[in-house]
Amino acid sequence: LTDGTHYADARSIAVVGSDVYVAGWESIGSFAVAKYWKNGQAMALTDGMNHANANSIVVVDSDVYVAGGEDNSGGIAVAKYWKNGQAIALTDGTKNANARSIVVIKR
């Protein structure tokens, strides 16, 4: 998934038809950037200004959901999930937290 010049970690995989999605992170500069890869093409979920990670990925129809977390400016980890790249905070940043898994139930 990466060229091997930075530390990286793949944490979760989802296969939908012929598409392969992988959630993880890659160290860019001083911090890890939360990412997912679709068929080897990277999609950054964070901007690299704070440490972040992506732990789990689920794809429902054309929507991509990723669970993980990102440090706030005070260095406290905020649990988040991303839907199609848009972050949704699950915690308020007063205590360290991280989302480890995600499940989407379609009704």
PDB file of N, CA and C in Angstrom:
ATOM      1  N   LEU A   1       0.811  -1.215   0.000  1.00  0.00           N
ATOM      2  CA  LEU A   1       0.000   0.000   0.000  1.00  0.00           C
ATOM      3  C   LEU A   1       0.847   1.270   0.000  1.00  0.00           C
ATOM      4  N   THR A   2       2.030   1.188   0.628  1.00  0.00           N
ATOM      5  CA  THR A   2       2.908   2.356   0.694  1.00  0.00           C
ATOM      6  C   THR A   2       4.214   2.029  -0.010  1.00  0.00           C
ATOM      7  N   ASP A   3       5.066   3.025  -0.153  1.00  0.00           N
ATOM      8  CA  ASP A   3       6.351   2.785  -0.820  1.00  0.00           C
ATOM      9  C   ASP A   3       7.453   2.364   0.139  1.00  0.00           C
ATOM     10  N   GLY A   4       7.129   2.248   1.436  1.00  0.00           N
ATOM     11  CA  GLY A   4       8.101   1.770   2.406  1.00  0.00           C
ATOM     12  C   GLY A   4       9.035   2.830   2.964  1.00  0.00           C
ATOM     13  N   THR A   5       8.861   4.085   2.600  1.00  0.00           N
ATOM     14  CA  THR A   5       9.745   5.135   3.103  1.00  0.00           C
ATOM     15  C   THR A   5       9.278   5.708   4.440  1.00  0.00           C
ATOM     16  N   HIS A   6       8.056   5.386   4.860  1.00  0.00           N
ATOM     17  CA  HIS A   6       7.504   5.868   6.130  1.00  0.00           C
ATOM     18  C   HIS A   6       6.922   4.686   6.898  1.00  0.00           C
ATOM     19  N   TYR A   7       6.875   4.821   8.232  1.00  0.00           N
ATOM     20  CA  TYR A   7       6.172   3.821   9.016  1.00  0.00           C
ATOM     21  C   TYR A   7       4.695   3.839   8.626  1.00  0.00           C
ATOM     22  N   ALA A   8       4.101   2.656   8.557  1.00  0.00           N
ATOM     23  CA  ALA A   8       2.687   2.557   8.207  1.00  0.00           C
ATOM     24  C   ALA A   8       2.109   1.307   8.851  1.00  0.00           C
ATOM     25  N   ASP A   9       0.801   1.278   8.998  1.00  0.00           N
ATOM     26  CA  ASP A   9       0.127   0.142   9.608  1.00  0.00           C
ATOM     27  C   ASP A   9      -1.239  -0.030   8.963  1.00  0.00           C
ATOM     28  N   ALA A  10      -1.544  -1.238   8.542  1.00  0.00           N
ATOM     29  CA  ALA A  10      -2.877  -1.572   8.031  1.00  0.00           C
ATOM     30  C   ALA A  10      -3.621  -2.281   9.142  1.00  0.00           C
ATOM     31  N   ARG A  11      -4.833  -1.827   9.467  1.00  0.00           N
ATOM     32  CA  ARG A  11      -5.570  -2.348  10.613  1.00  0.00           C
ATOM     33  C   ARG A  11      -6.824  -3.134  10.264  1.00  0.00           C
ATOM     34  N   SER A  12      -7.419  -2.878   9.091  1.00  0.00           N
ATOM     35  CA  SER A  12      -8.692  -3.510   8.759  1.00  0.00           C
ATOM     36  C   SER A  12      -8.827  -3.576   7.247  1.00  0.00           C
ATOM     37  N   ILE A  13      -9.567  -4.578   6.782  1.00  0.00           N
ATOM     38  CA  ILE A  13      -9.773  -4.748   5.346  1.00  0.00           C
ATOM     39  C   ILE A  13     -11.242  -5.076   5.081  1.00  0.00           C
ATOM     40  N   ALA A  14     -11.756  -4.549   3.984  1.00  0.00           N
ATOM     41  CA  ALA A  14     -13.110  -4.872   3.535  1.00  0.00           C
ATOM     42  C   ALA A  14     -13.043  -5.096   2.026  1.00  0.00           C
ATOM     43  N   VAL A  15     -13.747  -6.110   1.562  1.00  0.00           N
ATOM     44  CA  VAL A  15     -13.787  -6.408   0.132  1.00  0.00           C
ATOM     45  C   VAL A  15     -15.237  -6.314  -0.322  1.00  0.00           C
ATOM     46  N   VAL A  16     -15.471  -5.490  -1.330  1.00  0.00           N
ATOM     47  CA  VAL A  16     -16.814  -5.301  -1.886  1.00  0.00           C
ATOM     48  C   VAL A  16     -16.695  -5.511  -3.391  1.00  0.00           C
ATOM     49  N   GLY A  17     -17.251  -6.617  -3.869  1.00  0.00           N
ATOM     50  CA  GLY A  17     -17.102  -6.952  -5.281  1.00  0.00           C
ATOM     51  C   GLY A  17     -15.631  -7.128  -5.604  1.00  0.00           C
ATOM     52  N   SER A  18     -15.139  -6.378  -6.562  1.00  0.00           N
ATOM     53  CA  SER A  18     -13.718  -6.456  -6.919  1.00  0.00           C
ATOM     54  C   SER A  18     -12.896  -5.356  -6.259  1.00  0.00           C
ATOM     55  N   ASP A  19     -13.514  -4.547  -5.392  1.00  0.00           N
ATOM     56  CA  ASP A  19     -12.806  -3.458  -4.712  1.00  0.00           C
ATOM     57  C   ASP A  19     -12.298  -3.905  -3.344  1.00  0.00           C
ATOM     58  N   VAL A  20     -11.052  -3.532  -3.045  1.00  0.00           N
ATOM     59  CA  VAL A  20     -10.426  -3.849  -1.761  1.00  0.00           C
ATOM     60  C   VAL A  20     -10.145  -2.539  -1.031  1.00  0.00           C
ATOM     61  N   TYR A  21     -10.674  -2.429   0.183  1.00  0.00           N
ATOM     62  CA  TYR A  21     -10.503  -1.252   1.034  1.00  0.00           C
ATOM     63  C   TYR A  21      -9.677  -1.657   2.249  1.00  0.00           C
ATOM     64  N   VAL A  22      -8.717  -0.816   2.629  1.00  0.00           N
ATOM     65  CA  VAL A  22      -7.870  -1.074   3.794  1.00  0.00           C
ATOM     66  C   VAL A  22      -7.802   0.203   4.617  1.00  0.00           C
ATOM     67  N   ALA A  23      -8.006   0.094   5.933  1.00  0.00           N
ATOM     68  CA  ALA A  23      -7.886   1.235   6.845  1.00  0.00           C
ATOM     69  C   ALA A  23      -6.597   1.105   7.633  1.00  0.00           C
ATOM     70  N   GLY A  24      -5.974   2.237   7.904  1.00  0.00           N
ATOM     71  CA  GLY A  24      -4.744   2.247   8.685  1.00  0.00           C
ATOM     72  C   GLY A  24      -4.197   3.649   8.834  1.00  0.00           C
ATOM     73  N   TRP A  25      -2.882   3.736   8.918  1.00  0.00           N
ATOM     74  CA  TRP A  25      -2.237   5.042   9.048  1.00  0.00           C
ATOM     75  C   TRP A  25      -0.855   4.992   8.420  1.00  0.00           C
ATOM     76  N   GLU A  26      -0.343   6.172   8.135  1.00  0.00           N
ATOM     77  CA  GLU A  26       1.018   6.298   7.617  1.00  0.00           C
ATOM     78  C   GLU A  26       1.656   7.514   8.259  1.00  0.00           C
ATOM     79  N   SER A  27       2.878   7.342   8.743  1.00  0.00           N
ATOM     80  CA  SER A  27       3.623   8.430   9.358  1.00  0.00           C
ATOM     81  C   SER A  27       4.130   9.371   8.277  1.00  0.00           C
ATOM     82  N   ILE A  28       3.716  10.615   8.368  1.00  0.00           N
ATOM     83  CA  ILE A  28       4.184  11.647   7.442  1.00  0.00           C
ATOM     84  C   ILE A  28       4.706  12.781   8.317  1.00  0.00           C
ATOM     85  N   GLY A  29       5.986  13.035   8.287  1.00  0.00           N
ATOM     86  CA  GLY A  29       6.544  14.066   9.165  1.00  0.00           C
ATOM     87  C   GLY A  29       6.525  13.581  10.599  1.00  0.00           C
ATOM     88  N   SER A  30       6.049  14.414  11.490  1.00  0.00           N
ATOM     89  CA  SER A  30       6.062  14.109  12.921  1.00  0.00           C
ATOM     90  C   SER A  30       4.862  13.293  13.387  1.00  0.00           C
ATOM     91  N   PHE A  31       3.815  13.204  12.593  1.00  0.00           N
ATOM     92  CA  PHE A  31       2.579  12.581  13.037  1.00  0.00           C
ATOM     93  C   PHE A  31       2.088  11.518  12.060  1.00  0.00           C
ATOM     94  N   ALA A  32       1.245  10.629  12.570  1.00  0.00           N
ATOM     95  CA  ALA A  32       0.607   9.618  11.732  1.00  0.00           C
ATOM     96  C   ALA A  32      -0.671  10.199  11.144  1.00  0.00           C
ATOM     97  N   VAL A  33      -0.887   9.941   9.876  1.00  0.00           N
ATOM     98  CA  VAL A  33      -2.087  10.390   9.169  1.00  0.00           C
ATOM     99  C   VAL A  33      -3.032   9.201   9.028  1.00  0.00           C
ATOM    100  N   ALA A  34      -4.279   9.354   9.469  1.00  0.00           N
ATOM    101  CA  ALA A  34      -5.289   8.316   9.273  1.00  0.00           C
ATOM    102  C   ALA A  34      -5.622   8.262   7.787  1.00  0.00           C
ATOM    103  N   LYS A  35      -5.683   7.031   7.248  1.00  0.00           N
ATOM    104  CA  LYS A  35      -5.940   6.861   5.823  1.00  0.00           C
ATOM    105  C   LYS A  35      -6.776   5.623   5.581  1.00  0.00           C
ATOM    106  N   TYR A  36      -7.351   5.577   4.389  1.00  0.00           N
ATOM    107  CA  TYR A  36      -7.786   4.299   3.858  1.00  0.00           C
ATOM    108  C   TYR A  36      -7.329   4.233   2.411  1.00  0.00           C
ATOM    109  N   TRP A  37      -7.190   3.026   1.941  1.00  0.00           N
ATOM    110  CA  TRP A  37      -6.781   2.781   0.567  1.00  0.00           C
ATOM    111  C   TRP A  37      -7.888   2.015  -0.129  1.00  0.00           C
ATOM    112  N   LYS A  38      -8.223   2.430  -1.327  1.00  0.00           N
ATOM    113  CA  LYS A  38      -9.160   1.689  -2.166  1.00  0.00           C
ATOM    114  C   LYS A  38      -8.375   1.220  -3.378  1.00  0.00           C
ATOM    115  N   ASN A  39      -8.265  -0.083  -3.507  1.00  0.00           N
ATOM    116  CA  ASN A  39      -7.505  -0.677  -4.614  1.00  0.00           C
ATOM    117  C   ASN A  39      -6.111  -0.065  -4.731  1.00  0.00           C
ATOM    118  N   GLY A  40      -5.501   0.199  -3.571  1.00  0.00           N
ATOM    119  CA  GLY A  40      -4.138   0.714  -3.525  1.00  0.00           C
ATOM    120  C   GLY A  40      -4.004   2.221  -3.600  1.00  0.00           C
ATOM    121  N   GLN A  41      -5.098   2.934  -3.846  1.00  0.00           N
ATOM    122  CA  GLN A  41      -5.068   4.397  -3.927  1.00  0.00           C
ATOM    123  C   GLN A  41      -5.392   4.977  -2.554  1.00  0.00           C
ATOM    124  N   ALA A  42      -4.480   5.802  -2.015  1.00  0.00           N
ATOM    125  CA  ALA A  42      -4.633   6.354  -0.669  1.00  0.00           C
ATOM    126  C   ALA A  42      -5.624   7.509  -0.628  1.00  0.00           C
ATOM    127  N   MET A  43      -6.392   7.547   0.469  1.00  0.00           N
ATOM    128  CA  MET A  43      -7.292   8.658   0.773  1.00  0.00           C
ATOM    129  C   MET A  43      -6.968   9.103   2.199  1.00  0.00           C
ATOM    130  N   ALA A  44      -6.365  10.271   2.357  1.00  0.00           N
ATOM    131  CA  ALA A  44      -6.047  10.787   3.691  1.00  0.00           C
ATOM    132  C   ALA A  44      -7.325  11.273   4.367  1.00  0.00           C
ATOM    133  N   LEU A  45      -7.496  10.866   5.619  1.00  0.00           N
ATOM    134  CA  LEU A  45      -8.651  11.296   6.399  1.00  0.00           C
ATOM    135  C   LEU A  45      -8.307  12.474   7.305  1.00  0.00           C
ATOM    136  N   THR A  46      -7.009  12.655   7.591  1.00  0.00           N
ATOM    137  CA  THR A  46      -6.546  13.759   8.430  1.00  0.00           C
ATOM    138  C   THR A  46      -5.429  14.500   7.704  1.00  0.00           C
ATOM    139  N   ASP A  47      -5.099  15.686   8.219  1.00  0.00           N
ATOM    140  CA  ASP A  47      -4.143  16.557   7.517  1.00  0.00           C
ATOM    141  C   ASP A  47      -2.704  16.433   8.000  1.00  0.00           C
ATOM    142  N   GLY A  48      -2.432  15.585   8.991  1.00  0.00           N
ATOM    143  CA  GLY A  48      -1.068  15.409   9.469  1.00  0.00           C
ATOM    144  C   GLY A  48      -0.618  16.428  10.495  1.00  0.00           C
ATOM    145  N   MET A  49      -1.510  17.284  10.957  1.00  0.00           N
ATOM    146  CA  MET A  49      -1.157  18.279  11.970  1.00  0.00           C
ATOM    147  C   MET A  49      -1.192  17.703  13.384  1.00  0.00           C
ATOM    148  N   ASN A  50      -1.884  16.567  13.563  1.00  0.00           N
ATOM    149  CA  ASN A  50      -1.972  15.866  14.843  1.00  0.00           C
ATOM    150  C   ASN A  50      -1.908  14.369  14.570  1.00  0.00           C
ATOM    151  N   HIS A  51      -1.486  13.601  15.572  1.00  0.00           N
ATOM    152  CA  HIS A  51      -1.444  12.147  15.418  1.00  0.00           C
ATOM    153  C   HIS A  51      -2.867  11.610  15.220  1.00  0.00           C
ATOM    154  N   ALA A  52      -3.016  10.659  14.287  1.00  0.00           N
ATOM    155  CA  ALA A  52      -4.330  10.074  14.018  1.00  0.00           C
ATOM    156  C   ALA A  52      -4.164   8.625  13.575  1.00  0.00           C
ATOM    157  N   ASN A  53      -5.244   7.867  13.663  1.00  0.00           N
ATOM    158  CA  ASN A  53      -5.224   6.481  13.206  1.00  0.00           C
ATOM    159  C   ASN A  53      -6.596   6.078  12.707  1.00  0.00           C
ATOM    160  N   ALA A  54      -6.604   5.062  11.872  1.00  0.00           N
ATOM    161  CA  ALA A  54      -7.843   4.459  11.381  1.00  0.00           C
ATOM    162  C   ALA A  54      -7.764   2.974  11.714  1.00  0.00           C
ATOM    163  N   ASN A  55      -8.767   2.461  12.393  1.00  0.00           N
ATOM    164  CA  ASN A  55      -8.718   1.096  12.918  1.00  0.00           C
ATOM    165  C   ASN A  55      -9.649   0.116  12.239  1.00  0.00           C
ATOM    166  N   SER A  56     -10.719   0.589  11.650  1.00  0.00           N
ATOM    167  CA  SER A  56     -11.734  -0.316  11.112  1.00  0.00           C
ATOM    168  C   SER A  56     -12.416   0.356   9.923  1.00  0.00           C
ATOM    169  N   ILE A  57     -12.828  -0.456   8.959  1.00  0.00           N
ATOM    170  CA  ILE A  57     -13.477   0.091   7.768  1.00  0.00           C
ATOM    171  C   ILE A  57     -14.647  -0.792   7.364  1.00  0.00           C
ATOM    172  N   VAL A  58     -15.717  -0.139   6.916  1.00  0.00           N
ATOM    173  CA  VAL A  58     -16.909  -0.818   6.419  1.00  0.00           C
ATOM    174  C   VAL A  58     -17.398  -0.031   5.207  1.00  0.00           C
ATOM    175  N   VAL A  59     -17.861  -0.727   4.204  1.00  0.00           N
ATOM    176  CA  VAL A  59     -18.402  -0.083   3.010  1.00  0.00           C
ATOM    177  C   VAL A  59     -19.840  -0.566   2.834  1.00  0.00           C
ATOM    178  N   VAL A  60     -20.774   0.378   2.751  1.00  0.00           N
ATOM    179  CA  VAL A  60     -22.182   0.081   2.549  1.00  0.00           C
ATOM    180  C   VAL A  60     -22.649   0.874   1.333  1.00  0.00           C
ATOM    181  N   ASP A  61     -23.070   0.147   0.299  1.00  0.00           N
ATOM    182  CA  ASP A  61     -23.408   0.777  -0.974  1.00  0.00           C
ATOM    183  C   ASP A  61     -22.186   1.574  -1.445  1.00  0.00           C
ATOM    184  N   SER A  62     -22.316   2.879  -1.635  1.00  0.00           N
ATOM    185  CA  SER A  62     -21.161   3.675  -2.061  1.00  0.00           C
ATOM    186  C   SER A  62     -20.549   4.476  -0.913  1.00  0.00           C
ATOM    187  N   ASP A  63     -21.009   4.238   0.319  1.00  0.00           N
ATOM    188  CA  ASP A  63     -20.504   4.970   1.484  1.00  0.00           C
ATOM    189  C   ASP A  63     -19.381   4.200   2.179  1.00  0.00           C
ATOM    190  N   VAL A  64     -18.307   4.926   2.517  1.00  0.00           N
ATOM    191  CA  VAL A  64     -17.152   4.349   3.210  1.00  0.00           C
ATOM    192  C   VAL A  64     -17.122   4.915   4.619  1.00  0.00           C
ATOM    193  N   TYR A  65     -17.145   4.024   5.608  1.00  0.00           N
ATOM    194  CA  TYR A  65     -17.111   4.390   7.019  1.00  0.00           C
ATOM    195  C   TYR A  65     -15.806   3.884   7.626  1.00  0.00           C
ATOM    196  N   VAL A  66     -15.116   4.760   8.367  1.00  0.00           N
ATOM    197  CA  VAL A  66     -13.844   4.394   8.992  1.00  0.00           C
ATOM    198  C   VAL A  66     -13.885   4.841  10.449  1.00  0.00           C
ATOM    199  N   ALA A  67     -13.482   3.963  11.363  1.00  0.00           N
ATOM    200  CA  ALA A  67     -13.418   4.296  12.786  1.00  0.00           C
ATOM    201  C   ALA A  67     -11.967   4.462  13.200  1.00  0.00           C
ATOM    202  N   GLY A  68     -11.718   5.422  14.103  1.00  0.00           N
ATOM    203  CA  GLY A  68     -10.361   5.653  14.598  1.00  0.00           C
ATOM    204  C   GLY A  68     -10.331   6.802  15.568  1.00  0.00           C
ATOM    205  N   GLY A  69      -9.328   7.632  15.439  1.00  0.00           N
ATOM    206  CA  GLY A  69      -9.209   8.769  16.332  1.00  0.00           C
ATOM    207  C   GLY A  69      -8.143   9.733  15.866  1.00  0.00           C
ATOM    208  N   GLU A  70      -8.187  10.928  16.452  1.00  0.00           N
ATOM    209  CA  GLU A  70      -7.205  11.965  16.136  1.00  0.00           C
ATOM    210  C   GLU A  70      -6.975  12.799  17.386  1.00  0.00           C
ATOM    211  N   ASP A  71      -5.700  13.080  17.687  1.00  0.00           N
ATOM    212  CA  ASP A  71      -5.393  13.956  18.812  1.00  0.00           C
ATOM    213  C   ASP A  71      -5.904  15.356  18.533  1.00  0.00           C
ATOM    214  N   ASN A  72      -6.383  16.025  19.597  1.00  0.00           N
ATOM    215  CA  ASN A  72      -6.747  17.430  19.465  1.00  0.00           C
ATOM    216  C   ASN A  72      -5.501  18.282  19.691  1.00  0.00           C
ATOM    217  N   SER A  73      -5.617  19.589  19.673  1.00  0.00           N
ATOM    218  CA  SER A  73      -4.453  20.465  19.823  1.00  0.00           C
ATOM    219  C   SER A  73      -3.796  20.336  21.193  1.00  0.00           C
ATOM    220  N   GLY A  74      -4.524  19.813  22.167  1.00  0.00           N
ATOM    221  CA  GLY A  74      -3.968  19.581  23.504  1.00  0.00           C
ATOM    222  C   GLY A  74      -3.333  18.215  23.657  1.00  0.00           C
ATOM    223  N   GLY A  75      -3.306  17.428  22.590  1.00  0.00           N
ATOM    224  CA  GLY A  75      -2.685  16.107  22.636  1.00  0.00           C
ATOM    225  C   GLY A  75      -3.577  15.019  23.204  1.00  0.00           C
ATOM    226  N   ILE A  76      -4.864  15.290  23.360  1.00  0.00           N
ATOM    227  CA  ILE A  76      -5.811  14.292  23.867  1.00  0.00           C
ATOM    228  C   ILE A  76      -6.499  13.635  22.668  1.00  0.00           C
ATOM    229  N   ALA A  77      -6.518  12.302  22.659  1.00  0.00           N
ATOM    230  CA  ALA A  77      -7.102  11.552  21.551  1.00  0.00           C
ATOM    231  C   ALA A  77      -8.626  11.645  21.584  1.00  0.00           C
ATOM    232  N   VAL A  78      -9.200  12.024  20.458  1.00  0.00           N
ATOM    233  CA  VAL A  78     -10.653  12.119  20.297  1.00  0.00           C
ATOM    234  C   VAL A  78     -11.100  10.965  19.401  1.00  0.00           C
ATOM    235  N   ALA A  79     -12.024  10.131  19.896  1.00  0.00           N
ATOM    236  CA  ALA A  79     -12.580   9.053  19.075  1.00  0.00           C
ATOM    237  C   ALA A  79     -13.413   9.670  17.965  1.00  0.00           C
ATOM    238  N   LYS A  80     -13.242   9.133  16.749  1.00  0.00           N
ATOM    239  CA  LYS A  80     -13.961   9.667  15.595  1.00  0.00           C
ATOM    240  C   LYS A  80     -14.355   8.541  14.665  1.00  0.00           C
ATOM    241  N   TYR A  81     -15.319   8.866  13.812  1.00  0.00           N
ATOM    242  CA  TYR A  81     -15.492   8.064  12.614  1.00  0.00           C
ATOM    243  C   TYR A  81     -15.621   9.016  11.444  1.00  0.00           C
ATOM    244  N   TRP A  82     -15.293   8.503  10.283  1.00  0.00           N
ATOM    245  CA  TRP A  82     -15.384   9.278   9.059  1.00  0.00           C
ATOM    246  C   TRP A  82     -16.378   8.596   8.136  1.00  0.00           C
ATOM    247  N   LYS A  83     -17.276   9.376   7.563  1.00  0.00           N
ATOM    248  CA  LYS A  83     -18.169   8.868   6.528  1.00  0.00           C
ATOM    249  C   LYS A  83     -17.803   9.615   5.254  1.00  0.00           C
ATOM    250  N   ASN A  84     -17.321   8.866   4.269  1.00  0.00           N
ATOM    251  CA  ASN A  84     -16.897   9.454   2.999  1.00  0.00           C
ATOM    252  C   ASN A  84     -15.919  10.613   3.205  1.00  0.00           C
ATOM    253  N   GLY A  85     -15.018  10.450   4.176  1.00  0.00           N
ATOM    254  CA  GLY A  85     -13.975  11.438   4.431  1.00  0.00           C
ATOM    255  C   GLY A  85     -14.344  12.558   5.378  1.00  0.00           C
ATOM    256  N   GLN A  86     -15.605  12.664   5.764  1.00  0.00           N
ATOM    257  CA  GLN A  86     -16.061  13.703   6.690  1.00  0.00           C
ATOM    258  C   GLN A  86     -16.001  13.185   8.117  1.00  0.00           C
ATOM    259  N   ALA A  87     -15.257  13.868   8.988  1.00  0.00           N
ATOM    260  CA  ALA A  87     -15.063  13.429  10.370  1.00  0.00           C
ATOM    261  C   ALA A  87     -16.261  13.760  11.251  1.00  0.00           C
ATOM    262  N   ILE A  88     -16.588  12.807  12.123  1.00  0.00           N
ATOM    263  CA  ILE A  88     -17.617  12.998  13.148  1.00  0.00           C
ATOM    264  C   ILE A  88     -16.983  12.611  14.476  1.00  0.00           C
ATOM    265  N   ALA A  89     -16.857  13.568  15.391  1.00  0.00           N
ATOM    266  CA  ALA A  89     -16.269  13.298  16.706  1.00  0.00           C
ATOM    267  C   ALA A  89     -17.269  12.519  17.554  1.00  0.00           C
ATOM    268  N   LEU A  90     -16.771  11.493  18.235  1.00  0.00           N
ATOM    269  CA  LEU A  90     -17.604  10.694  19.125  1.00  0.00           C
ATOM    270  C   LEU A  90     -17.405  11.073  20.585  1.00  0.00           C
ATOM    271  N   THR A  91     -16.307  11.754  20.896  1.00  0.00           N
ATOM    272  CA  THR A  91     -16.015  12.192  22.259  1.00  0.00           C
ATOM    273  C   THR A  91     -15.649  13.672  22.236  1.00  0.00           C
ATOM    274  N   ASP A  92     -15.636  14.290  23.433  1.00  0.00           N
ATOM    275  CA  ASP A  92     -15.446  15.742  23.503  1.00  0.00           C
ATOM    276  C   ASP A  92     -13.995  16.185  23.674  1.00  0.00           C
ATOM    277  N   GLY A  93     -13.052  15.256  23.746  1.00  0.00           N
ATOM    278  CA  GLY A  93     -11.650  15.627  23.840  1.00  0.00           C
ATOM    279  C   GLY A  93     -11.164  15.972  25.236  1.00  0.00           C
ATOM    280  N   THR A  94     -11.951  15.651  26.262  1.00  0.00           N
ATOM    281  CA  THR A  94     -11.493  15.897  27.633  1.00  0.00           C
ATOM    282  C   THR A  94     -10.775  14.688  28.225  1.00  0.00           C
ATOM    283  N   LYS A  95     -10.981  13.518  27.621  1.00  0.00           N
ATOM    284  CA  LYS A  95     -10.303  12.279  28.041  1.00  0.00           C
ATOM    285  C   LYS A  95      -9.896  11.522  26.783  1.00  0.00           C
ATOM    286  N   ASN A  96      -8.774  10.803  26.841  1.00  0.00           N
ATOM    287  CA  ASN A  96      -8.308  10.031  25.695  1.00  0.00           C
ATOM    288  C   ASN A  96      -9.328   8.964  25.308  1.00  0.00           C
ATOM    289  N   ALA A  97      -9.575   8.848  24.020  1.00  0.00           N
ATOM    290  CA  ALA A  97     -10.511   7.841  23.508  1.00  0.00           C
ATOM    291  C   ALA A  97     -10.123   7.494  22.074  1.00  0.00           C
ATOM    292  N   ASN A  98     -10.543   6.318  21.633  1.00  0.00           N
ATOM    293  CA  ASN A  98     -10.255   5.880  20.275  1.00  0.00           C
ATOM    294  C   ASN A  98     -11.336   4.887  19.861  1.00  0.00           C
ATOM    295  N   ALA A  99     -11.843   5.001  18.655  1.00  0.00           N
ATOM    296  CA  ALA A  99     -12.826   4.052  18.143  1.00  0.00           C
ATOM    297  C   ALA A  99     -12.076   2.897  17.489  1.00  0.00           C
ATOM    298  N   ARG A 100     -12.352   1.683  17.903  1.00  0.00           N
ATOM    299  CA  ARG A 100     -11.622   0.515  17.420  1.00  0.00           C
ATOM    300  C   ARG A 100     -12.343  -0.265  16.330  1.00  0.00           C
ATOM    301  N   SER A 101     -13.655  -0.096  16.240  1.00  0.00           N
ATOM    302  CA  SER A 101     -14.416  -0.875  15.270  1.00  0.00           C
ATOM    303  C   SER A 101     -15.655  -0.095  14.856  1.00  0.00           C
ATOM    304  N   ILE A 102     -16.183  -0.451  13.684  1.00  0.00           N
ATOM    305  CA  ILE A 102     -17.396   0.208  13.209  1.00  0.00           C
ATOM    306  C   ILE A 102     -18.266  -0.838  12.489  1.00  0.00           C
ATOM    307  N   VAL A 103     -19.556  -0.723  12.706  1.00  0.00           N
ATOM    308  CA  VAL A 103     -20.544  -1.560  12.045  1.00  0.00           C
ATOM    309  C   VAL A 103     -21.663  -0.639  11.585  1.00  0.00           C
ATOM    310  N   VAL A 104     -22.155  -0.839  10.387  1.00  0.00           N
ATOM    311  CA  VAL A 104     -23.261  -0.051   9.858  1.00  0.00           C
ATOM    312  C   VAL A 104     -24.392  -1.014   9.537  1.00  0.00           C
ATOM    313  N   ILE A 105     -25.563  -0.728  10.071  1.00  0.00           N
ATOM    314  CA  ILE A 105     -26.739  -1.552   9.802  1.00  0.00           C
ATOM    315  C   ILE A 105     -27.644  -0.765   8.860  1.00  0.00           C
ATOM    316  N   LYS A 106     -27.861  -1.321   7.695  1.00  0.00           N
ATOM    317  CA  LYS A 106     -28.702  -0.665   6.700  1.00  0.00           C
ATOM    318  C   LYS A 106     -30.138  -1.139   6.888  1.00  0.00           C
ATOM    319  N   ARG A 107     -31.057  -0.212   6.973  1.00  0.00           N
ATOM    320  CA  ARG A 107     -32.473  -0.572   7.159  1.00  0.00           C
ATOM    321  C   ARG A 107     -33.250  -0.271   5.916  1.00  0.00           C
TER     322      ARG A 107
END
